[in-house]
Amino acid sequence: MTVEKSVEELHHVSDPDAMGALGARLGRVLRAGDLVILTGPLGAGKTTLTRGIGEGLGVRGPVQSPTFVLARTHPSLVGGAPLVHVDAYRLDGPDELDDLDLDFEGSVVVAEWGAGIVDTRTDWIEIVIERPVGADDPDPVFDGNAPQAGKGAAAEMEDWSQTLIEPRRITVNGYGPRWAGGVLG
């Protein structure tokens, strides 16, 4: 099944607080059945964005990287949809994702490293987070093809507290009729 991109929005964030605020904004428009795929190199801010989404949804925290458990469910504190936060890095394909028995229809699912894993949806959001290359450059070049880091303890660097604070370019792609009018507009 091929689903055409409905919308592409570009956002720039200057620091982890701005990344969290963007996530909170997104969380306020998400509802049960929505899927968000996060793509970006290690340390780009995927978990920071997901924390913001959790804040916007009003779910129980703390929202942490699910690297070692593959998926964490955060129940709503406000009667809304729960957040299911997935780390798809170690999954080999859609069958392994299906084995996790996630409640896609009753939850908001955010999948880090999820590109290519979820292929049967009619609507979803893909968010690509790019880090600059060349920090001294006043107009940094963003590299969306930066190498993806390995597994394990290095994944803990996703928290920006361990990295230099550099701006990020966020591309929000909405697919399917749900997002035809825009995501964050």
N, C-alpha and C. Protein backbone atom coordinates (compact mmCIF):
# COMPACT_ATOMS: atom_id res chain seq x y z
N MET A 1 0.85 -1.17 0.00
CA MET A 1 0.00 0.00 0.00
C MET A 1 0.90 1.24 0.00
N THR A 2 0.63 2.16 -0.91
CA THR A 2 1.37 3.40 -0.98
C THR A 2 0.47 4.54 -0.53
N VAL A 3 0.94 5.28 0.46
CA VAL A 3 0.19 6.44 0.96
C VAL A 3 1.02 7.67 0.64
N GLU A 4 0.41 8.64 0.00
CA GLU A 4 1.10 9.87 -0.37
C GLU A 4 1.26 10.80 0.83
N LYS A 5 2.36 11.55 0.82
CA LYS A 5 2.58 12.56 1.85
C LYS A 5 1.53 13.65 1.67
N SER A 6 0.84 13.98 2.75
CA SER A 6 -0.19 15.02 2.72
C SER A 6 0.38 16.40 2.99
N VAL A 7 1.38 16.47 3.87
CA VAL A 7 1.90 17.77 4.29
C VAL A 7 3.33 17.61 4.78
N GLU A 8 4.14 18.66 4.58
CA GLU A 8 5.49 18.71 5.14
C GLU A 8 5.65 20.06 5.81
N GLU A 9 6.06 20.04 7.07
CA GLU A 9 6.27 21.27 7.83
C GLU A 9 7.69 21.29 8.37
N LEU A 10 8.33 22.43 8.34
CA LEU A 10 9.69 22.58 8.83
C LEU A 10 9.70 23.44 10.08
N HIS A 11 10.40 22.97 11.11
CA HIS A 11 10.53 23.69 12.37
C HIS A 11 12.00 23.68 12.79
N HIS A 12 12.41 24.73 13.47
CA HIS A 12 13.76 24.78 14.03
C HIS A 12 13.63 24.91 15.54
N VAL A 13 14.45 24.15 16.26
CA VAL A 13 14.47 24.26 17.72
C VAL A 13 15.90 24.58 18.14
N SER A 14 16.03 25.39 19.16
CA SER A 14 17.35 25.87 19.56
C SER A 14 17.95 25.09 20.71
N ASP A 15 17.12 24.40 21.49
CA ASP A 15 17.64 23.71 22.67
C ASP A 15 16.63 22.65 23.13
N PRO A 16 16.99 21.85 24.14
CA PRO A 16 16.09 20.79 24.60
C PRO A 16 14.73 21.32 25.08
N ASP A 17 14.69 22.48 25.70
CA ASP A 17 13.41 23.04 26.15
C ASP A 17 12.48 23.31 24.96
N ALA A 18 13.05 23.85 23.87
CA ALA A 18 12.26 24.12 22.67
C ALA A 18 11.80 22.81 22.02
N MET A 19 12.65 21.77 22.09
CA MET A 19 12.26 20.46 21.55
C MET A 19 11.09 19.91 22.36
N GLY A 20 11.17 20.02 23.68
CA GLY A 20 10.08 19.57 24.52
C GLY A 20 8.79 20.34 24.27
N ALA A 21 8.92 21.64 24.06
CA ALA A 21 7.73 22.47 23.78
C ALA A 21 7.09 22.08 22.45
N LEU A 22 7.92 21.78 21.45
CA LEU A 22 7.38 21.32 20.16
C LEU A 22 6.64 20.00 20.36
N GLY A 23 7.23 19.11 21.15
CA GLY A 23 6.57 17.84 21.45
C GLY A 23 5.25 18.02 22.17
N ALA A 24 5.20 18.95 23.14
CA ALA A 24 3.95 19.22 23.87
C ALA A 24 2.87 19.73 22.94
N ARG A 25 3.27 20.60 22.01
CA ARG A 25 2.32 21.10 21.00
C ARG A 25 1.75 19.96 20.17
N LEU A 26 2.63 19.06 19.76
CA LEU A 26 2.20 17.91 18.98
C LEU A 26 1.30 17.01 19.83
N GLY A 27 1.68 16.78 21.07
CA GLY A 27 0.88 15.93 21.95
C GLY A 27 -0.55 16.41 22.10
N ARG A 28 -0.75 17.72 22.05
CA ARG A 28 -2.10 18.27 22.21
C ARG A 28 -2.99 18.03 20.98
N VAL A 29 -2.40 17.67 19.82
CA VAL A 29 -3.23 17.40 18.64
C VAL A 29 -3.37 15.90 18.36
N LEU A 30 -2.61 15.08 19.06
CA LEU A 30 -2.67 13.64 18.84
C LEU A 30 -3.85 13.02 19.58
N ARG A 31 -4.32 11.90 19.03
CA ARG A 31 -5.44 11.17 19.65
C ARG A 31 -5.22 9.67 19.46
N ALA A 32 -6.03 8.88 20.11
CA ALA A 32 -5.92 7.43 20.00
C ALA A 32 -5.93 7.02 18.54
N GLY A 33 -5.03 6.10 18.18
CA GLY A 33 -4.90 5.63 16.81
C GLY A 33 -3.82 6.33 16.02
N ASP A 34 -3.26 7.41 16.55
CA ASP A 34 -2.21 8.14 15.84
C ASP A 34 -0.85 7.45 16.03
N LEU A 35 -0.07 7.47 14.97
CA LEU A 35 1.26 6.89 14.97
C LEU A 35 2.25 7.97 14.58
N VAL A 36 3.34 8.08 15.35
CA VAL A 36 4.42 9.03 15.07
C VAL A 36 5.71 8.24 14.96
N ILE A 37 6.38 8.35 13.82
CA ILE A 37 7.67 7.71 13.58
C ILE A 37 8.75 8.77 13.73
N LEU A 38 9.74 8.50 14.58
CA LEU A 38 10.84 9.44 14.80
C LEU A 38 12.12 8.90 14.17
N THR A 39 12.76 9.75 13.37
CA THR A 39 13.99 9.40 12.69
C THR A 39 15.03 10.46 13.00
N GLY A 40 16.23 10.03 13.29
CA GLY A 40 17.33 10.96 13.54
C GLY A 40 18.48 10.24 14.16
N PRO A 41 19.68 10.82 14.07
CA PRO A 41 20.86 10.16 14.63
C PRO A 41 20.82 10.13 16.15
N LEU A 42 21.68 9.33 16.71
CA LEU A 42 21.81 9.23 18.16
C LEU A 42 22.03 10.62 18.74
N GLY A 43 21.30 10.96 19.78
CA GLY A 43 21.45 12.25 20.43
C GLY A 43 20.73 13.39 19.76
N ALA A 44 19.92 13.10 18.76
CA ALA A 44 19.21 14.16 18.02
C ALA A 44 18.12 14.81 18.85
N GLY A 45 17.53 14.05 19.77
CA GLY A 45 16.46 14.60 20.60
C GLY A 45 15.15 13.84 20.48
N LYS A 46 15.19 12.61 19.99
CA LYS A 46 13.96 11.82 19.81
C LYS A 46 13.24 11.59 21.13
N THR A 47 13.99 11.21 22.16
CA THR A 47 13.36 10.97 23.47
C THR A 47 12.92 12.29 24.09
N THR A 48 13.67 13.34 23.91
CA THR A 48 13.28 14.65 24.42
C THR A 48 11.97 15.10 23.79
N LEU A 49 11.83 14.90 22.48
CA LEU A 49 10.58 15.22 21.80
C LEU A 49 9.44 14.36 22.35
N THR A 50 9.70 13.09 22.58
CA THR A 50 8.67 12.18 23.10
C THR A 50 8.25 12.58 24.51
N ARG A 51 9.18 13.05 25.33
CA ARG A 51 8.81 13.56 26.66
C ARG A 51 7.80 14.70 26.52
N GLY A 52 8.06 15.59 25.57
CA GLY A 52 7.13 16.69 25.32
C GLY A 52 5.78 16.19 24.85
N ILE A 53 5.78 15.20 23.97
CA ILE A 53 4.51 14.61 23.51
C ILE A 53 3.75 14.06 24.71
N GLY A 54 4.44 13.36 25.59
CA GLY A 54 3.80 12.84 26.79
C GLY A 54 3.21 13.94 27.66
N GLU A 55 3.93 15.05 27.78
CA GLU A 55 3.42 16.20 28.53
C GLU A 55 2.14 16.73 27.88
N GLY A 56 2.16 16.88 26.56
CA GLY A 56 0.99 17.39 25.84
C GLY A 56 -0.21 16.45 25.94
N LEU A 57 0.06 15.15 26.00
CA LEU A 57 -1.01 14.17 26.15
C LEU A 57 -1.52 14.07 27.58
N GLY A 58 -0.71 14.51 28.54
CA GLY A 58 -1.09 14.40 29.95
C GLY A 58 -0.95 12.98 30.47
N VAL A 59 0.17 12.31 30.12
CA VAL A 59 0.38 10.94 30.57
C VAL A 59 1.29 10.89 31.79
N ARG A 60 1.25 9.75 32.45
CA ARG A 60 2.10 9.52 33.62
C ARG A 60 3.54 9.35 33.15
N GLY A 61 4.46 9.98 33.82
CA GLY A 61 5.87 9.90 33.48
C GLY A 61 6.64 9.19 34.55
N PRO A 62 7.93 9.20 34.49
CA PRO A 62 8.71 9.91 33.48
C PRO A 62 8.78 9.14 32.16
N VAL A 63 8.82 9.87 31.06
CA VAL A 63 8.99 9.27 29.75
C VAL A 63 10.49 9.14 29.53
N GLN A 64 10.94 7.89 29.44
CA GLN A 64 12.36 7.59 29.24
C GLN A 64 12.53 6.75 27.99
N SER A 65 13.75 6.66 27.52
CA SER A 65 14.03 5.84 26.35
C SER A 65 13.67 4.39 26.66
N PRO A 66 12.92 3.74 25.76
CA PRO A 66 12.57 2.33 25.96
C PRO A 66 13.60 1.37 25.38
N THR A 67 14.85 1.80 25.26
CA THR A 67 15.88 1.02 24.59
C THR A 67 15.96 -0.42 25.07
N PHE A 68 15.93 -0.63 26.35
CA PHE A 68 16.17 -1.97 26.88
C PHE A 68 14.89 -2.78 27.08
N VAL A 69 13.73 -2.17 26.91
CA VAL A 69 12.46 -2.89 27.07
C VAL A 69 11.64 -2.91 25.79
N LEU A 70 12.08 -2.25 24.76
CA LEU A 70 11.44 -2.13 23.44
C LEU A 70 10.21 -1.24 23.43
N ALA A 71 9.35 -1.32 24.45
CA ALA A 71 8.15 -0.47 24.47
C ALA A 71 7.73 -0.20 25.91
N ARG A 72 7.30 1.02 26.16
CA ARG A 72 6.75 1.42 27.46
C ARG A 72 5.39 2.07 27.22
N THR A 73 4.45 1.74 28.07
CA THR A 73 3.13 2.36 28.01
C THR A 73 2.99 3.33 29.16
N HIS A 74 2.56 4.55 28.85
CA HIS A 74 2.34 5.60 29.85
C HIS A 74 0.86 5.91 29.86
N PRO A 75 0.14 5.51 30.91
CA PRO A 75 -1.30 5.77 30.97
C PRO A 75 -1.61 7.25 31.08
N SER A 76 -2.77 7.63 30.59
CA SER A 76 -3.21 9.02 30.67
C SER A 76 -3.62 9.36 32.09
N LEU A 77 -3.31 10.56 32.50
CA LEU A 77 -3.75 11.09 33.80
C LEU A 77 -4.97 11.98 33.65
N VAL A 78 -5.41 12.20 32.39
CA VAL A 78 -6.50 13.13 32.12
C VAL A 78 -7.65 12.50 31.34
N GLY A 79 -7.68 11.17 31.29
CA GLY A 79 -8.77 10.48 30.60
C GLY A 79 -8.59 10.38 29.10
N GLY A 80 -7.39 10.66 28.59
CA GLY A 80 -7.13 10.57 27.16
C GLY A 80 -6.45 9.27 26.79
N ALA A 81 -5.90 9.23 25.61
CA ALA A 81 -5.21 8.04 25.13
C ALA A 81 -3.87 7.87 25.84
N PRO A 82 -3.48 6.63 26.12
CA PRO A 82 -2.14 6.40 26.66
C PRO A 82 -1.09 6.60 25.56
N LEU A 83 0.13 6.83 25.98
CA LEU A 83 1.28 6.92 25.08
C LEU A 83 2.02 5.60 25.12
N VAL A 84 2.24 4.99 23.96
CA VAL A 84 3.09 3.81 23.85
C VAL A 84 4.36 4.28 23.14
N HIS A 85 5.48 4.20 23.85
CA HIS A 85 6.77 4.69 23.36
C HIS A 85 7.60 3.47 22.98
N VAL A 86 7.93 3.33 21.70
CA VAL A 86 8.60 2.15 21.18
C VAL A 86 10.00 2.51 20.71
N ASP A 87 10.96 1.66 21.01
CA ASP A 87 12.29 1.75 20.42
C ASP A 87 12.40 0.59 19.43
N ALA A 88 12.28 0.89 18.15
CA ALA A 88 12.24 -0.14 17.12
C ALA A 88 13.61 -0.49 16.57
N TYR A 89 14.66 0.04 17.18
CA TYR A 89 16.01 -0.16 16.65
C TYR A 89 16.37 -1.63 16.49
N ARG A 90 16.03 -2.44 17.48
CA ARG A 90 16.41 -3.86 17.45
C ARG A 90 15.37 -4.76 16.78
N LEU A 91 14.31 -4.17 16.26
CA LEU A 91 13.30 -4.97 15.57
C LEU A 91 13.71 -5.20 14.12
N ASP A 92 13.47 -6.40 13.64
CA ASP A 92 13.88 -6.74 12.27
C ASP A 92 12.79 -6.50 11.25
N GLY A 93 11.60 -6.12 11.67
CA GLY A 93 10.55 -5.86 10.69
C GLY A 93 9.19 -5.80 11.32
N PRO A 94 8.18 -5.61 10.49
CA PRO A 94 6.80 -5.47 10.98
C PRO A 94 6.31 -6.66 11.79
N ASP A 95 6.79 -7.87 11.48
CA ASP A 95 6.35 -9.05 12.23
C ASP A 95 6.78 -8.98 13.69
N GLU A 96 8.00 -8.52 13.93
CA GLU A 96 8.47 -8.40 15.31
C GLU A 96 7.72 -7.29 16.05
N LEU A 97 7.38 -6.22 15.35
CA LEU A 97 6.57 -5.17 15.96
C LEU A 97 5.20 -5.73 16.33
N ASP A 98 4.62 -6.50 15.44
CA ASP A 98 3.32 -7.12 15.70
C ASP A 98 3.39 -8.05 16.91
N ASP A 99 4.51 -8.72 17.11
CA ASP A 99 4.69 -9.61 18.27
C ASP A 99 4.61 -8.87 19.60
N LEU A 100 4.86 -7.55 19.58
CA LEU A 100 4.77 -6.77 20.82
C LEU A 100 3.32 -6.55 21.25
N ASP A 101 2.37 -6.84 20.34
CA ASP A 101 0.93 -6.74 20.64
C ASP A 101 0.55 -5.35 21.16
N LEU A 102 0.97 -4.32 20.44
CA LEU A 102 0.68 -2.94 20.82
C LEU A 102 -0.76 -2.59 20.47
N ASP A 103 -1.36 -1.74 21.29
CA ASP A 103 -2.73 -1.28 21.03
C ASP A 103 -2.66 -0.02 20.17
N PHE A 104 -2.48 -0.21 18.86
CA PHE A 104 -2.37 0.93 17.96
C PHE A 104 -3.65 1.75 17.92
N GLU A 105 -4.79 1.12 17.94
CA GLU A 105 -6.07 1.83 17.81
C GLU A 105 -6.46 2.58 19.08
N GLY A 106 -6.05 2.10 20.23
CA GLY A 106 -6.46 2.73 21.49
C GLY A 106 -5.41 3.61 22.12
N SER A 107 -4.26 3.79 21.45
CA SER A 107 -3.13 4.52 22.02
C SER A 107 -2.56 5.48 21.00
N VAL A 108 -1.73 6.40 21.48
CA VAL A 108 -0.85 7.17 20.61
C VAL A 108 0.48 6.42 20.66
N VAL A 109 0.96 5.97 19.51
CA VAL A 109 2.20 5.21 19.44
C VAL A 109 3.29 6.09 18.84
N VAL A 110 4.40 6.24 19.57
CA VAL A 110 5.57 6.96 19.10
C VAL A 110 6.69 5.94 18.98
N ALA A 111 7.22 5.76 17.76
CA ALA A 111 8.25 4.75 17.50
C ALA A 111 9.55 5.42 17.09
N GLU A 112 10.54 5.37 17.97
CA GLU A 112 11.88 5.82 17.61
C GLU A 112 12.51 4.74 16.73
N TRP A 113 13.27 5.16 15.73
CA TRP A 113 13.92 4.26 14.78
C TRP A 113 12.87 3.41 14.04
N GLY A 114 11.68 3.93 13.85
CA GLY A 114 10.58 3.14 13.31
C GLY A 114 10.40 3.17 11.81
N ALA A 115 11.20 3.93 11.09
CA ALA A 115 11.03 4.02 9.63
C ALA A 115 11.18 2.64 9.00
N GLY A 116 10.21 2.26 8.18
CA GLY A 116 10.24 0.97 7.51
C GLY A 116 9.70 -0.18 8.31
N ILE A 117 9.44 0.03 9.58
CA ILE A 117 8.93 -1.04 10.44
C ILE A 117 7.41 -1.11 10.37
N VAL A 118 6.77 0.05 10.34
CA VAL A 118 5.32 0.10 10.32
C VAL A 118 4.90 0.43 8.89
N ASP A 119 4.30 -0.54 8.20
CA ASP A 119 4.02 -0.32 6.79
C ASP A 119 2.57 -0.56 6.39
N THR A 120 1.69 -0.72 7.35
CA THR A 120 0.30 -1.03 7.00
C THR A 120 -0.68 0.03 7.48
N ARG A 121 -0.22 1.20 7.78
CA ARG A 121 -1.08 2.27 8.28
C ARG A 121 -1.57 3.15 7.13
N THR A 122 -2.73 3.77 7.31
CA THR A 122 -3.23 4.70 6.29
C THR A 122 -2.88 6.14 6.65
N ASP A 123 -2.62 6.42 7.92
CA ASP A 123 -2.28 7.76 8.38
C ASP A 123 -1.15 7.64 9.40
N TRP A 124 -0.16 8.51 9.29
CA TRP A 124 0.88 8.59 10.29
C TRP A 124 1.66 9.87 10.11
N ILE A 125 2.49 10.15 11.11
CA ILE A 125 3.40 11.29 11.06
C ILE A 125 4.81 10.74 11.12
N GLU A 126 5.67 11.25 10.25
CA GLU A 126 7.10 10.94 10.34
C GLU A 126 7.81 12.24 10.68
N ILE A 127 8.62 12.19 11.72
CA ILE A 127 9.38 13.37 12.14
C ILE A 127 10.86 13.05 11.98
N VAL A 128 11.54 13.87 11.17
CA VAL A 128 12.97 13.69 10.92
C VAL A 128 13.69 14.81 11.66
N ILE A 129 14.59 14.43 12.56
CA ILE A 129 15.36 15.39 13.35
C ILE A 129 16.78 15.39 12.82
N GLU A 130 17.25 16.58 12.42
CA GLU A 130 18.59 16.71 11.87
C GLU A 130 19.45 17.56 12.79
N ARG A 131 20.67 17.11 12.97
CA ARG A 131 21.67 17.85 13.75
C ARG A 131 22.60 18.56 12.80
N PRO A 132 23.14 19.71 13.21
CA PRO A 132 24.06 20.43 12.32
C PRO A 132 25.41 19.73 12.23
N VAL A 133 26.06 19.94 11.10
CA VAL A 133 27.43 19.48 10.90
C VAL A 133 28.27 20.74 10.75
N GLY A 134 29.27 20.91 11.58
CA GLY A 134 30.09 22.12 11.53
C GLY A 134 29.55 23.18 12.46
N ALA A 135 29.72 23.00 13.77
CA ALA A 135 29.12 23.86 14.78
C ALA A 135 29.60 25.30 14.71
N ASP A 136 30.79 25.55 14.15
CA ASP A 136 31.30 26.93 14.09
C ASP A 136 30.74 27.70 12.90
N ASP A 137 30.07 27.02 12.02
CA ASP A 137 29.50 27.64 10.83
C ASP A 137 28.27 28.45 11.23
N PRO A 138 28.18 29.75 10.89
CA PRO A 138 27.02 30.54 11.28
C PRO A 138 25.74 30.07 10.59
N ASP A 139 25.86 29.35 9.49
CA ASP A 139 24.70 28.78 8.81
C ASP A 139 24.96 27.28 8.68
N PRO A 140 24.81 26.54 9.78
CA PRO A 140 25.23 25.14 9.78
C PRO A 140 24.47 24.30 8.76
N VAL A 141 25.18 23.34 8.22
CA VAL A 141 24.58 22.38 7.30
C VAL A 141 24.00 21.26 8.15
N PHE A 142 22.76 20.90 7.88
CA PHE A 142 22.14 19.84 8.64
C PHE A 142 22.31 18.54 7.88
N ASP A 143 22.61 17.49 8.60
CA ASP A 143 22.87 16.20 7.98
C ASP A 143 21.82 15.20 8.40
N GLY A 144 20.84 14.97 7.55
CA GLY A 144 19.79 13.99 7.84
C GLY A 144 20.26 12.58 7.63
N ASN A 145 21.46 12.41 7.08
CA ASN A 145 21.98 11.07 6.83
C ASN A 145 23.15 10.75 7.75
N ALA A 146 23.19 11.40 8.91
CA ALA A 146 24.27 11.12 9.85
C ALA A 146 24.23 9.65 10.24
N PRO A 147 25.38 9.06 10.51
CA PRO A 147 25.41 7.65 10.85
C PRO A 147 24.54 7.36 12.06
N GLN A 148 23.85 6.26 12.02
CA GLN A 148 23.03 5.83 13.15
C GLN A 148 23.96 5.07 14.09
N ALA A 149 23.93 5.44 15.35
CA ALA A 149 24.84 4.85 16.32
C ALA A 149 24.41 3.44 16.71
N GLY A 150 25.32 2.77 17.38
CA GLY A 150 25.06 1.39 17.80
C GLY A 150 24.10 1.29 18.96
N LYS A 151 23.96 0.05 19.43
CA LYS A 151 22.99 -0.26 20.48
C LYS A 151 23.63 -0.07 21.85
N GLY A 152 22.83 -0.34 22.86
CA GLY A 152 23.34 -0.44 24.21
C GLY A 152 23.51 0.88 24.92
N ALA A 153 24.56 0.96 25.73
CA ALA A 153 24.74 2.11 26.61
C ALA A 153 24.84 3.42 25.84
N ALA A 154 25.34 3.40 24.62
CA ALA A 154 25.44 4.63 23.84
C ALA A 154 24.08 5.26 23.61
N ALA A 155 23.04 4.46 23.62
CA ALA A 155 21.69 4.98 23.39
C ALA A 155 21.27 5.93 24.50
N GLU A 156 21.88 5.85 25.64
CA GLU A 156 21.54 6.75 26.73
C GLU A 156 21.91 8.20 26.41
N MET A 157 22.77 8.44 25.43
CA MET A 157 23.14 9.79 25.05
C MET A 157 22.00 10.54 24.40
N GLU A 158 20.87 9.88 24.14
CA GLU A 158 19.71 10.54 23.56
C GLU A 158 19.31 11.75 24.39
N ASP A 159 19.58 11.73 25.69
CA ASP A 159 19.29 12.85 26.56
C ASP A 159 20.31 13.95 26.26
N TRP A 160 19.81 15.13 25.87
CA TRP A 160 20.70 16.22 25.48
C TRP A 160 21.60 16.70 26.60
N SER A 161 21.38 16.27 27.84
CA SER A 161 22.21 16.75 28.93
C SER A 161 23.66 16.32 28.76
N GLN A 162 23.92 15.32 27.92
CA GLN A 162 25.27 14.82 27.71
C GLN A 162 25.91 15.34 26.43
N THR A 163 25.23 16.22 25.72
CA THR A 163 25.76 16.69 24.44
C THR A 163 25.78 18.21 24.40
N LEU A 164 26.55 18.75 23.47
CA LEU A 164 26.52 20.18 23.25
C LEU A 164 25.13 20.60 22.78
N ILE A 165 24.70 21.77 23.19
CA ILE A 165 23.39 22.24 22.75
C ILE A 165 23.57 22.93 21.41
N GLU A 166 23.00 22.30 20.40
CA GLU A 166 23.04 22.82 19.04
C GLU A 166 21.62 22.84 18.51
N PRO A 167 21.34 23.72 17.58
CA PRO A 167 19.98 23.76 17.03
C PRO A 167 19.68 22.49 16.25
N ARG A 168 18.40 22.20 16.12
CA ARG A 168 17.95 21.05 15.35
C ARG A 168 16.94 21.54 14.31
N ARG A 169 16.95 20.89 13.17
CA ARG A 169 15.93 21.14 12.16
C ARG A 169 14.99 19.94 12.20
N ILE A 170 13.70 20.23 12.34
CA ILE A 170 12.68 19.19 12.48
C ILE A 170 11.77 19.26 11.25
N THR A 171 11.69 18.16 10.52
CA THR A 171 10.77 18.06 9.40
C THR A 171 9.63 17.14 9.82
N VAL A 172 8.43 17.68 9.80
CA VAL A 172 7.23 16.93 10.18
C VAL A 172 6.47 16.60 8.90
N ASN A 173 6.40 15.32 8.59
CA ASN A 173 5.69 14.85 7.41
C ASN A 173 4.41 14.14 7.84
N GLY A 174 3.28 14.61 7.36
CA GLY A 174 2.00 13.97 7.62
C GLY A 174 1.58 13.15 6.43
N TYR A 175 1.17 11.91 6.66
CA TYR A 175 0.74 11.01 5.59
C TYR A 175 -0.72 10.64 5.81
N GLY A 176 -1.48 10.61 4.73
CA GLY A 176 -2.86 10.17 4.78
C GLY A 176 -3.83 11.30 5.05
N PRO A 177 -5.11 11.01 4.92
CA PRO A 177 -6.15 12.03 5.03
C PRO A 177 -6.22 12.71 6.40
N ARG A 178 -5.85 12.01 7.48
CA ARG A 178 -5.90 12.61 8.82
C ARG A 178 -5.07 13.88 8.88
N TRP A 179 -3.97 13.93 8.13
CA TRP A 179 -3.04 15.06 8.25
C TRP A 179 -3.07 15.98 7.03
N ALA A 180 -4.05 15.84 6.16
CA ALA A 180 -4.13 16.66 4.94
C ALA A 180 -4.22 18.15 5.25
N GLY A 181 -4.82 18.53 6.37
CA GLY A 181 -4.93 19.94 6.73
C GLY A 181 -3.75 20.49 7.49
N GLY A 182 -2.71 19.66 7.72
CA GLY A 182 -1.54 20.08 8.46
C GLY A 182 -1.43 19.35 9.78
N VAL A 183 -0.25 19.36 10.34
CA VAL A 183 0.00 18.71 11.62
C VAL A 183 0.04 19.79 12.71
N LEU A 184 1.02 20.67 12.64
CA LEU A 184 1.16 21.76 13.62
C LEU A 184 0.88 23.10 12.99
N GLY A 185 0.83 23.13 11.65
CA GLY A 185 0.50 24.32 10.87
C GLY A 185 1.19 25.52 11.24
